Amino acid sequence: MVKTKKYQPSQNSKKPFFIKGILLYILPLPILLTLFFALLNGDFQGIIINGIAYALFILGATIARKGFLFEIEYNKSILAKAPKIKYKSISAVIITIATFFTSYMAAGNGLFLSILLAMVSFIGFYLYYGLDPRVDKVGELNIGVSAEEVIRITGLAKDKISDIKKLKISINDPQISKELDSIIKETEHVIKTVEENPNDLSRARKFFNVYLDRTQKITKEYEVNLLKENIDKKMRTNYIHLLETVERTIHEQKEKLNEDDITRLDVQIEALTKQIKNEGV
């Protein structure tokens, strides 16, 4: 029986650190220092004004960072929708208001100068960080194929691939890992094909729903039974044989995604579905 290595999700769920936008947290530090002295002196009005100013800058910086995260995902994706919530634009407005408030209320500058500084702040944000993406990256879509559907289905496929990768680590079996790696590689190629040509979605939908979905579910069941020490040699052999069949069939069907014979594809998918149901895994 194969020994298992328990998978720790926390080790793989951390978001990567990125430095973009850190400057937005550094710029209002003088306000924080002023707020500190206002607290020491018991200056109630200074505490309120500087507290509001600092809070506005921090709020703007935090919202901007959220916008930067969306932008990173947008830029590295072949297929993506422009964000519905314009976080960077919202941040730019908040920081502009914060600049005006700080200048007029905290620093005591005149109205005209405060407006001018606020405008400079907005222009500086725009030139340095830019605003949110406004154009969908979807390519030319045929009638009946929506960008939302393509992004949703490929997103679900990526989530399933991610889950299979985690299960592979948990199962910790070299032969099974090899088969799962092949399935992951082939499926990721299909996802990329659909992202580059969304009109292939009609052909790839069942591909994801049958091959990928069932591979994920069966692998999860295998992992659960492995942890319970219910996997014997025969069941392991059957599971490996099933993975080999799935990998081989995925490779064959991947080549047929560019063909027009949808009926042949559907027939082979149904055949594999019946085989999966009949396997003793």
C-alpha atoms as a PDB file:
ATOM      1  CA  MET A   1       0.000   0.000   0.000  1.00  0.00           C
ATOM      2  CA  VAL A   2       1.269   3.474  -0.919  1.00  0.00           C
ATOM      3  CA  LYS A   3       1.984   5.809   1.961  1.00  0.00           C
ATOM      4  CA  THR A   4       0.331   9.179   1.837  1.00  0.00           C
ATOM      5  CA  LYS A   5       1.681  12.587   2.632  1.00  0.00           C
ATOM      6  CA  LYS A   6      -0.968  14.855   4.063  1.00  0.00           C
ATOM      7  CA  TYR A   7      -1.483  17.994   1.981  1.00  0.00           C
ATOM      8  CA  GLN A   8      -1.465  21.329   3.798  1.00  0.00           C
ATOM      9  CA  PRO A   9      -3.578  23.874   1.853  1.00  0.00           C
ATOM     10  CA  SER A  10      -2.118  26.807   3.742  1.00  0.00           C
ATOM     11  CA  GLN A  11       1.249  26.154   2.131  1.00  0.00           C
ATOM     12  CA  ASN A  12      -0.139  26.784  -1.322  1.00  0.00           C
ATOM     13  CA  SER A  13      -2.860  29.348  -0.737  1.00  0.00           C
ATOM     14  CA  LYS A  14      -0.662  32.376  -0.004  1.00  0.00           C
ATOM     15  CA  LYS A  15      -0.943  35.237  -2.454  1.00  0.00           C
ATOM     16  CA  PRO A  16       2.393  36.380  -3.890  1.00  0.00           C
ATOM     17  CA  PHE A  17       3.667  39.681  -2.496  1.00  0.00           C
ATOM     18  CA  PHE A  18       3.960  42.520  -4.990  1.00  0.00           C
ATOM     19  CA  ILE A  19       5.472  45.933  -4.387  1.00  0.00           C
ATOM     20  CA  LYS A  20       3.331  48.022  -6.737  1.00  0.00           C
ATOM     21  CA  GLY A  21       1.359  50.613  -4.783  1.00  0.00           C
ATOM     22  CA  ILE A  22       3.564  50.572  -1.669  1.00  0.00           C
ATOM     23  CA  LEU A  23       4.440  54.210  -2.396  1.00  0.00           C
ATOM     24  CA  LEU A  24       0.791  55.137  -1.780  1.00  0.00           C
ATOM     25  CA  TYR A  25       1.176  53.967   1.830  1.00  0.00           C
ATOM     26  CA  ILE A  26       4.456  55.851   2.291  1.00  0.00           C
ATOM     27  CA  LEU A  27       3.301  59.263   1.004  1.00  0.00           C
ATOM     28  CA  PRO A  28       0.850  60.011   3.867  1.00  0.00           C
ATOM     29  CA  LEU A  29       3.391  59.194   6.617  1.00  0.00           C
ATOM     30  CA  PRO A  30       3.933  62.921   7.401  1.00  0.00           C
ATOM     31  CA  ILE A  31       0.193  63.139   8.139  1.00  0.00           C
ATOM     32  CA  LEU A  32       0.557  60.220  10.539  1.00  0.00           C
ATOM     33  CA  LEU A  33       3.412  62.042  12.264  1.00  0.00           C
ATOM     34  CA  THR A  34       1.264  65.192  12.550  1.00  0.00           C
ATOM     35  CA  LEU A  35      -1.554  63.081  13.953  1.00  0.00           C
ATOM     36  CA  PHE A  36       0.830  61.665  16.557  1.00  0.00           C
ATOM     37  CA  PHE A  37       1.833  65.141  17.771  1.00  0.00           C
ATOM     38  CA  ALA A  38      -1.825  66.205  17.823  1.00  0.00           C
ATOM     39  CA  LEU A  39      -2.521  63.265  20.134  1.00  0.00           C
ATOM     40  CA  LEU A  40       0.383  64.245  22.409  1.00  0.00           C
ATOM     41  CA  ASN A  41      -0.841  67.846  22.603  1.00  0.00           C
ATOM     42  CA  GLY A  42      -4.480  66.916  23.068  1.00  0.00           C
ATOM     43  CA  ASP A  43      -5.415  68.866  19.929  1.00  0.00           C
ATOM     44  CA  PHE A  44      -8.905  67.447  19.314  1.00  0.00           C
ATOM     45  CA  GLN A  45      -9.469  69.320  16.053  1.00  0.00           C
ATOM     46  CA  GLY A  46      -6.034  68.310  14.742  1.00  0.00           C
ATOM     47  CA  ILE A  47      -6.728  64.682  15.663  1.00  0.00           C
ATOM     48  CA  ILE A  48     -10.014  64.663  13.734  1.00  0.00           C
ATOM     49  CA  ILE A  49      -8.713  66.472  10.630  1.00  0.00           C
ATOM     50  CA  ASN A  50      -5.433  64.559  10.344  1.00  0.00           C
ATOM     51  CA  GLY A  51      -7.153  61.279  11.210  1.00  0.00           C
ATOM     52  CA  ILE A  52      -9.646  61.753   8.371  1.00  0.00           C
ATOM     53  CA  ALA A  53      -6.890  62.765   5.935  1.00  0.00           C
ATOM     54  CA  TYR A  54      -4.721  59.761   6.796  1.00  0.00           C
ATOM     55  CA  ALA A  55      -7.688  57.378   6.643  1.00  0.00           C
ATOM     56  CA  LEU A  56      -8.615  58.657   3.159  1.00  0.00           C
ATOM     57  CA  PHE A  57      -5.082  58.093   1.854  1.00  0.00           C
ATOM     58  CA  ILE A  58      -4.907  54.583   3.327  1.00  0.00           C
ATOM     59  CA  LEU A  59      -8.348  53.738   1.922  1.00  0.00           C
ATOM     60  CA  GLY A  60      -7.254  54.938  -1.512  1.00  0.00           C
ATOM     61  CA  ALA A  61      -4.023  52.944  -1.335  1.00  0.00           C
ATOM     62  CA  THR A  62      -5.837  49.766  -0.279  1.00  0.00           C
ATOM     63  CA  ILE A  63      -8.398  50.037  -3.068  1.00  0.00           C
ATOM     64  CA  ALA A  64      -5.610  50.762  -5.563  1.00  0.00           C
ATOM     65  CA  ARG A  65      -3.770  47.587  -4.525  1.00  0.00           C
ATOM     66  CA  LYS A  66      -6.919  45.593  -5.197  1.00  0.00           C
ATOM     67  CA  GLY A  67      -7.061  47.166  -8.639  1.00  0.00           C
ATOM     68  CA  PHE A  68      -3.421  46.274  -9.261  1.00  0.00           C
ATOM     69  CA  LEU A  69      -4.150  42.624  -8.427  1.00  0.00           C
ATOM     70  CA  PHE A  70      -7.004  42.539 -10.947  1.00  0.00           C
ATOM     71  CA  GLU A  71      -4.769  44.216 -13.519  1.00  0.00           C
ATOM     72  CA  ILE A  72      -2.012  41.633 -13.030  1.00  0.00           C
ATOM     73  CA  GLU A  73      -4.488  38.803 -13.657  1.00  0.00           C
ATOM     74  CA  TYR A  74      -5.936  40.666 -16.645  1.00  0.00           C
ATOM     75  CA  ASN A  75      -2.512  41.235 -18.233  1.00  0.00           C
ATOM     76  CA  LYS A  76      -1.313  37.661 -17.866  1.00  0.00           C
ATOM     77  CA  SER A  77      -4.578  36.110 -19.096  1.00  0.00           C
ATOM     78  CA  ILE A  78      -5.169  35.382 -22.751  1.00  0.00           C
ATOM     79  CA  LEU A  79      -8.897  35.746 -22.234  1.00  0.00           C
ATOM     80  CA  ALA A  80     -10.292  38.217 -19.699  1.00  0.00           C
ATOM     81  CA  LYS A  81     -13.133  40.618 -19.033  1.00  0.00           C
ATOM     82  CA  ALA A  82     -12.387  44.188 -18.089  1.00  0.00           C
ATOM     83  CA  PRO A  83     -13.121  44.647 -14.366  1.00  0.00           C
ATOM     84  CA  LYS A  84     -16.678  45.747 -13.622  1.00  0.00           C
ATOM     85  CA  ILE A  85     -15.567  47.667 -10.540  1.00  0.00           C
ATOM     86  CA  LYS A  86     -12.942  50.234 -11.529  1.00  0.00           C
ATOM     87  CA  TYR A  87     -10.806  49.982  -8.391  1.00  0.00           C
ATOM     88  CA  LYS A  88      -7.915  52.077  -9.689  1.00  0.00           C
ATOM     89  CA  SER A  89     -10.248  54.834 -10.860  1.00  0.00           C
ATOM     90  CA  ILE A  90     -12.044  54.836  -7.509  1.00  0.00           C
ATOM     91  CA  SER A  91      -8.690  54.976  -5.747  1.00  0.00           C
ATOM     92  CA  ALA A  92      -7.538  57.908  -7.873  1.00  0.00           C
ATOM     93  CA  VAL A  93     -10.675  59.856  -6.939  1.00  0.00           C
ATOM     94  CA  ILE A  94     -10.303  59.065  -3.219  1.00  0.00           C
ATOM     95  CA  ILE A  95      -6.630  60.084  -3.204  1.00  0.00           C
ATOM     96  CA  THR A  96      -7.555  63.289  -5.069  1.00  0.00           C
ATOM     97  CA  ILE A  97     -10.153  64.081  -2.396  1.00  0.00           C
ATOM     98  CA  ALA A  98      -7.643  63.200   0.319  1.00  0.00           C
ATOM     99  CA  THR A  99      -5.091  65.573  -1.197  1.00  0.00           C
ATOM    100  CA  PHE A 100      -7.614  68.432  -1.347  1.00  0.00           C
ATOM    101  CA  PHE A 101      -8.810  67.750   2.207  1.00  0.00           C
ATOM    102  CA  THR A 102      -5.268  67.633   3.568  1.00  0.00           C
ATOM    103  CA  SER A 103      -4.223  70.817   1.814  1.00  0.00           C
ATOM    104  CA  TYR A 104      -7.340  72.833   2.632  1.00  0.00           C
ATOM    105  CA  MET A 105      -8.251  71.551   6.089  1.00  0.00           C
ATOM    106  CA  ALA A 106      -4.978  70.264   7.586  1.00  0.00           C
ATOM    107  CA  ALA A 107      -2.381  72.538   5.988  1.00  0.00           C
ATOM    108  CA  GLY A 108      -4.625  75.598   5.786  1.00  0.00           C
ATOM    109  CA  ASN A 109      -3.874  76.354   2.139  1.00  0.00           C
ATOM    110  CA  GLY A 110      -6.260  78.402   0.041  1.00  0.00           C
ATOM    111  CA  LEU A 111      -9.072  76.923  -2.035  1.00  0.00           C
ATOM    112  CA  PHE A 112      -7.386  77.509  -5.403  1.00  0.00           C
ATOM    113  CA  LEU A 113      -4.060  75.991  -4.322  1.00  0.00           C
ATOM    114  CA  SER A 114      -5.817  73.005  -2.746  1.00  0.00           C
ATOM    115  CA  ILE A 115      -7.766  72.338  -5.954  1.00  0.00           C
ATOM    116  CA  LEU A 116      -4.552  72.664  -7.966  1.00  0.00           C
ATOM    117  CA  LEU A 117      -2.719  70.187  -5.703  1.00  0.00           C
ATOM    118  CA  ALA A 118      -5.643  67.757  -5.941  1.00  0.00           C
ATOM    119  CA  MET A 119      -5.541  67.946  -9.750  1.00  0.00           C
ATOM    120  CA  VAL A 120      -1.794  67.344  -9.730  1.00  0.00           C
ATOM    121  CA  SER A 121      -2.382  64.338  -7.471  1.00  0.00           C
ATOM    122  CA  PHE A 122      -4.905  62.837  -9.899  1.00  0.00           C
ATOM    123  CA  ILE A 123      -2.684  63.453 -12.922  1.00  0.00           C
ATOM    124  CA  GLY A 124       0.307  61.962 -11.081  1.00  0.00           C
ATOM    125  CA  PHE A 125      -1.668  58.834 -10.209  1.00  0.00           C
ATOM    126  CA  TYR A 126      -2.839  58.491 -13.812  1.00  0.00           C
ATOM    127  CA  LEU A 127       0.636  58.947 -15.300  1.00  0.00           C
ATOM    128  CA  TYR A 128       2.364  56.620 -12.826  1.00  0.00           C
ATOM    129  CA  TYR A 129      -0.238  53.866 -12.358  1.00  0.00           C
ATOM    130  CA  GLY A 130      -2.733  54.365 -15.160  1.00  0.00           C
ATOM    131  CA  LEU A 131      -6.422  53.561 -14.858  1.00  0.00           C
ATOM    132  CA  ASP A 132      -8.330  50.271 -15.093  1.00  0.00           C
ATOM    133  CA  PRO A 133      -8.452  48.119 -18.250  1.00  0.00           C
ATOM    134  CA  ARG A 134     -11.605  48.974 -20.202  1.00  0.00           C
ATOM    135  CA  VAL A 135     -11.478  46.540 -23.107  1.00  0.00           C
ATOM    136  CA  ASP A 136     -12.442  42.850 -22.881  1.00  0.00           C
ATOM    137  CA  LYS A 137      -9.795  40.426 -24.126  1.00  0.00           C
ATOM    138  CA  VAL A 138     -12.096  37.957 -25.884  1.00  0.00           C
ATOM    139  CA  GLY A 139     -11.194  38.002 -29.570  1.00  0.00           C
ATOM    140  CA  GLU A 140     -13.802  37.511 -32.267  1.00  0.00           C
ATOM    141  CA  LEU A 141     -16.778  35.518 -30.988  1.00  0.00           C
ATOM    142  CA  ASN A 142     -19.315  33.652 -33.082  1.00  0.00           C
ATOM    143  CA  ILE A 143     -23.033  34.019 -32.491  1.00  0.00           C
ATOM    144  CA  GLY A 144     -24.087  31.918 -29.502  1.00  0.00           C
ATOM    145  CA  VAL A 145     -20.722  32.159 -27.748  1.00  0.00           C
ATOM    146  CA  SER A 146     -20.514  34.795 -25.016  1.00  0.00           C
ATOM    147  CA  ALA A 147     -17.344  36.093 -23.384  1.00  0.00           C
ATOM    148  CA  GLU A 148     -18.833  35.483 -19.933  1.00  0.00           C
ATOM    149  CA  GLU A 149     -19.461  31.804 -20.726  1.00  0.00           C
ATOM    150  CA  VAL A 150     -15.973  31.249 -22.125  1.00  0.00           C
ATOM    151  CA  ILE A 151     -14.309  32.885 -19.109  1.00  0.00           C
ATOM    152  CA  ARG A 152     -16.569  31.017 -16.665  1.00  0.00           C
ATOM    153  CA  ILE A 153     -15.949  27.582 -18.195  1.00  0.00           C
ATOM    154  CA  THR A 154     -12.182  28.027 -18.627  1.00  0.00           C
ATOM    155  CA  GLY A 155     -12.037  29.424 -15.075  1.00  0.00           C
ATOM    156  CA  LEU A 156     -13.780  26.336 -13.703  1.00  0.00           C
ATOM    157  CA  ALA A 157     -11.412  24.139 -15.695  1.00  0.00           C
ATOM    158  CA  LYS A 158      -8.410  25.935 -14.192  1.00  0.00           C
ATOM    159  CA  ASP A 159      -9.861  25.475 -10.697  1.00  0.00           C
ATOM    160  CA  LYS A 160     -10.238  21.735 -11.316  1.00  0.00           C
ATOM    161  CA  ILE A 161      -6.676  21.511 -12.617  1.00  0.00           C
ATOM    162  CA  SER A 162      -5.496  23.302  -9.470  1.00  0.00           C
ATOM    163  CA  ASP A 163      -7.413  20.829  -7.307  1.00  0.00           C
ATOM    164  CA  ILE A 164      -5.948  17.847  -9.180  1.00  0.00           C
ATOM    165  CA  LYS A 165      -2.444  19.239  -8.589  1.00  0.00           C
ATOM    166  CA  LYS A 166      -3.159  19.412  -4.849  1.00  0.00           C
ATOM    167  CA  LEU A 167      -4.568  15.884  -4.830  1.00  0.00           C
ATOM    168  CA  LYS A 168      -1.467  14.649  -6.664  1.00  0.00           C
ATOM    169  CA  ILE A 169       0.717  16.011  -3.855  1.00  0.00           C
ATOM    170  CA  SER A 170      -1.514  14.407  -1.236  1.00  0.00           C
ATOM    171  CA  ILE A 171      -1.528  10.989  -2.925  1.00  0.00           C
ATOM    172  CA  ASN A 172       2.271  11.083  -3.253  1.00  0.00           C
ATOM    173  CA  ASP A 173       2.606   8.156  -5.670  1.00  0.00           C
ATOM    174  CA  PRO A 174       5.267   8.535  -8.426  1.00  0.00           C
ATOM    175  CA  GLN A 175       3.399   6.485 -11.033  1.00  0.00           C
ATOM    176  CA  ILE A 176       0.074   8.193 -10.359  1.00  0.00           C
ATOM    177  CA  SER A 177       1.822  11.585 -10.330  1.00  0.00           C
ATOM    178  CA  LYS A 178       3.253  10.850 -13.760  1.00  0.00           C
ATOM    179  CA  GLU A 179      -0.179  10.015 -15.199  1.00  0.00           C
ATOM    180  CA  LEU A 180      -1.825  13.023 -13.561  1.00  0.00           C
ATOM    181  CA  ASP A 181       0.954  15.291 -14.855  1.00  0.00           C
ATOM    182  CA  SER A 182       0.225  14.101 -18.399  1.00  0.00           C
ATOM    183  CA  ILE A 183      -3.505  14.743 -17.974  1.00  0.00           C
ATOM    184  CA  ILE A 184      -2.817  18.187 -16.494  1.00  0.00           C
ATOM    185  CA  LYS A 185      -0.458  19.088 -19.343  1.00  0.00           C
ATOM    186  CA  GLU A 186      -2.892  17.961 -22.041  1.00  0.00           C
ATOM    187  CA  THR A 187      -5.848  19.707 -20.419  1.00  0.00           C
ATOM    188  CA  GLU A 188      -3.956  22.960 -19.902  1.00  0.00           C
ATOM    189  CA  HIS A 189      -3.163  22.893 -23.607  1.00  0.00           C
ATOM    190  CA  VAL A 190      -6.872  22.559 -24.382  1.00  0.00           C
ATOM    191  CA  ILE A 191      -7.675  25.473 -22.051  1.00  0.00           C
ATOM    192  CA  LYS A 192      -5.072  27.610 -23.820  1.00  0.00           C
ATOM    193  CA  THR A 193      -6.511  26.602 -27.202  1.00  0.00           C
ATOM    194  CA  VAL A 194      -9.996  27.713 -26.138  1.00  0.00           C
ATOM    195  CA  GLU A 195      -8.633  30.983 -24.710  1.00  0.00           C
ATOM    196  CA  GLU A 196      -6.844  31.715 -27.973  1.00  0.00           C
ATOM    197  CA  ASN A 197      -9.877  30.736 -30.033  1.00  0.00           C
ATOM    198  CA  PRO A 198     -13.068  31.019 -27.902  1.00  0.00           C
ATOM    199  CA  ASN A 199     -15.162  29.664 -30.765  1.00  0.00           C
ATOM    200  CA  ASP A 200     -13.767  26.204 -29.948  1.00  0.00           C
ATOM    201  CA  LEU A 201     -15.786  26.288 -26.724  1.00  0.00           C
ATOM    202  CA  SER A 202     -18.701  24.329 -28.201  1.00  0.00           C
ATOM    203  CA  ARG A 203     -16.328  21.452 -28.898  1.00  0.00           C
ATOM    204  CA  ALA A 204     -14.410  21.740 -25.642  1.00  0.00           C
ATOM    205  CA  ARG A 205     -17.369  22.067 -23.253  1.00  0.00           C
ATOM    206  CA  LYS A 206     -18.012  18.319 -22.990  1.00  0.00           C
ATOM    207  CA  PHE A 207     -14.271  17.794 -22.971  1.00  0.00           C
ATOM    208  CA  PHE A 208     -14.062  19.701 -19.682  1.00  0.00           C
ATOM    209  CA  ASN A 209     -17.313  18.353 -18.272  1.00  0.00           C
ATOM    210  CA  VAL A 210     -16.414  14.702 -18.876  1.00  0.00           C
ATOM    211  CA  TYR A 211     -12.653  14.193 -18.840  1.00  0.00           C
ATOM    212  CA  LEU A 212     -11.586  16.853 -16.403  1.00  0.00           C
ATOM    213  CA  ASP A 213     -14.582  16.739 -14.076  1.00  0.00           C
ATOM    214  CA  ARG A 214     -14.554  12.968 -13.732  1.00  0.00           C
ATOM    215  CA  THR A 215     -10.782  12.813 -13.353  1.00  0.00           C
ATOM    216  CA  GLN A 216     -11.011  15.325 -10.516  1.00  0.00           C
ATOM    217  CA  LYS A 217     -13.870  13.527  -8.748  1.00  0.00           C
ATOM    218  CA  ILE A 218     -12.375  10.065  -9.078  1.00  0.00           C
ATOM    219  CA  THR A 219      -8.959  11.299  -7.940  1.00  0.00           C
ATOM    220  CA  LYS A 220     -10.599  12.902  -4.909  1.00  0.00           C
ATOM    221  CA  GLU A 221     -12.371   9.628  -4.073  1.00  0.00           C
ATOM    222  CA  TYR A 222      -9.087   7.760  -4.484  1.00  0.00           C
ATOM    223  CA  GLU A 223      -7.316  10.195  -2.135  1.00  0.00           C
ATOM    224  CA  VAL A 224     -10.070   9.888   0.496  1.00  0.00           C
ATOM    225  CA  ASN A 225      -9.919   6.102   0.412  1.00  0.00           C
ATOM    226  CA  LEU A 226      -6.124   6.199   0.467  1.00  0.00           C
ATOM    227  CA  LEU A 227      -6.176   8.263   3.647  1.00  0.00           C
ATOM    228  CA  LYS A 228      -8.591   5.724   5.126  1.00  0.00           C
ATOM    229  CA  GLU A 229      -6.220   2.920   4.008  1.00  0.00           C
ATOM    230  CA  ASN A 230      -8.934   1.362   1.851  1.00  0.00           C
ATOM    231  CA  ILE A 231      -6.834   1.144  -1.336  1.00  0.00           C
ATOM    232  CA  ASP A 232      -5.552  -2.306  -2.234  1.00  0.00           C
ATOM    233  CA  LYS A 233      -3.249  -3.314  -5.084  1.00  0.00           C
ATOM    234  CA  LYS A 234      -6.111  -4.130  -7.470  1.00  0.00           C
ATOM    235  CA  MET A 235      -7.856  -0.809  -6.910  1.00  0.00           C
ATOM    236  CA  ARG A 236      -4.606   1.098  -7.421  1.00  0.00           C
ATOM    237  CA  THR A 237      -3.971  -0.798 -10.669  1.00  0.00           C
ATOM    238  CA  ASN A 238      -7.501  -0.041 -11.876  1.00  0.00           C
ATOM    239  CA  TYR A 239      -7.096   3.635 -11.053  1.00  0.00           C
ATOM    240  CA  ILE A 240      -3.768   3.882 -12.903  1.00  0.00           C
ATOM    241  CA  HIS A 241      -5.283   2.067 -15.893  1.00  0.00           C
ATOM    242  CA  LEU A 242      -8.162   4.543 -15.891  1.00  0.00           C
ATOM    243  CA  LEU A 243      -5.777   7.508 -15.792  1.00  0.00           C
ATOM    244  CA  GLU A 244      -3.819   6.038 -18.712  1.00  0.00           C
ATOM    245  CA  THR A 245      -7.049   5.694 -20.687  1.00  0.00           C
ATOM    246  CA  VAL A 246      -8.130   9.226 -19.874  1.00  0.00           C
ATOM    247  CA  GLU A 247      -4.732  10.653 -20.819  1.00  0.00           C
ATOM    248  CA  ARG A 248      -4.666   8.747 -24.113  1.00  0.00           C
ATOM    249  CA  THR A 249      -8.218   9.730 -24.999  1.00  0.00           C
ATOM    250  CA  ILE A 250      -7.624  13.382 -24.072  1.00  0.00           C
ATOM    251  CA  HIS A 251      -4.617  13.446 -26.383  1.00  0.00           C
ATOM    252  CA  GLU A 252      -6.628  11.933 -29.215  1.00  0.00           C
ATOM    253  CA  GLN A 253      -9.579  14.262 -28.723  1.00  0.00           C
ATOM    254  CA  LYS A 254      -7.366  17.314 -28.396  1.00  0.00           C
ATOM    255  CA  GLU A 255      -6.296  16.750 -31.985  1.00  0.00           C
ATOM    256  CA  LYS A 256      -9.946  16.613 -33.052  1.00  0.00           C
ATOM    257  CA  LEU A 257     -10.906  19.976 -31.588  1.00  0.00           C
ATOM    258  CA  ASN A 258     -10.126  21.591 -34.937  1.00  0.00           C
ATOM    259  CA  GLU A 259     -12.227  19.107 -36.894  1.00  0.00           C
ATOM    260  CA  ASP A 260     -15.873  19.495 -37.826  1.00  0.00           C
ATOM    261  CA  ASP A 261     -16.948  15.952 -36.965  1.00  0.00           C
ATOM    262  CA  ILE A 262     -18.652  16.715 -33.652  1.00  0.00           C
ATOM    263  CA  THR A 263     -20.653  13.502 -33.748  1.00  0.00           C
ATOM    264  CA  ARG A 264     -17.516  11.349 -33.657  1.00  0.00           C
ATOM    265  CA  LEU A 265     -16.225  13.368 -30.708  1.00  0.00           C
ATOM    266  CA  ASP A 266     -19.481  12.933 -28.792  1.00  0.00           C
ATOM    267  CA  VAL A 267     -19.514   9.187 -29.434  1.00  0.00           C
ATOM    268  CA  GLN A 268     -16.008   8.738 -28.045  1.00  0.00           C
ATOM    269  CA  ILE A 269     -16.816  10.909 -25.045  1.00  0.00           C
ATOM    270  CA  GLU A 270     -19.862   8.778 -24.256  1.00  0.00           C
ATOM    271  CA  ALA A 271     -17.766   5.624 -24.597  1.00  0.00           C
ATOM    272  CA  LEU A 272     -15.226   6.913 -22.106  1.00  0.00           C
ATOM    273  CA  THR A 273     -18.008   7.942 -19.744  1.00  0.00           C
ATOM    274  CA  LYS A 274     -19.354   4.399 -19.686  1.00  0.00           C
ATOM    275  CA  GLN A 275     -15.869   3.009 -19.097  1.00  0.00           C
ATOM    276  CA  ILE A 276     -15.306   5.368 -16.160  1.00  0.00           C
ATOM    277  CA  LYS A 277     -18.614   4.311 -14.592  1.00  0.00           C
ATOM    278  CA  ASN A 278     -17.693   0.639 -14.950  1.00  0.00           C
ATOM    279  CA  GLU A 279     -14.211   0.982 -13.417  1.00  0.00           C
ATOM    280  CA  GLY A 280     -13.866  -0.232  -9.852  1.00  0.00           C
ATOM    281  CA  VAL A 281     -12.409   2.951  -8.388  1.00  0.00           C
END
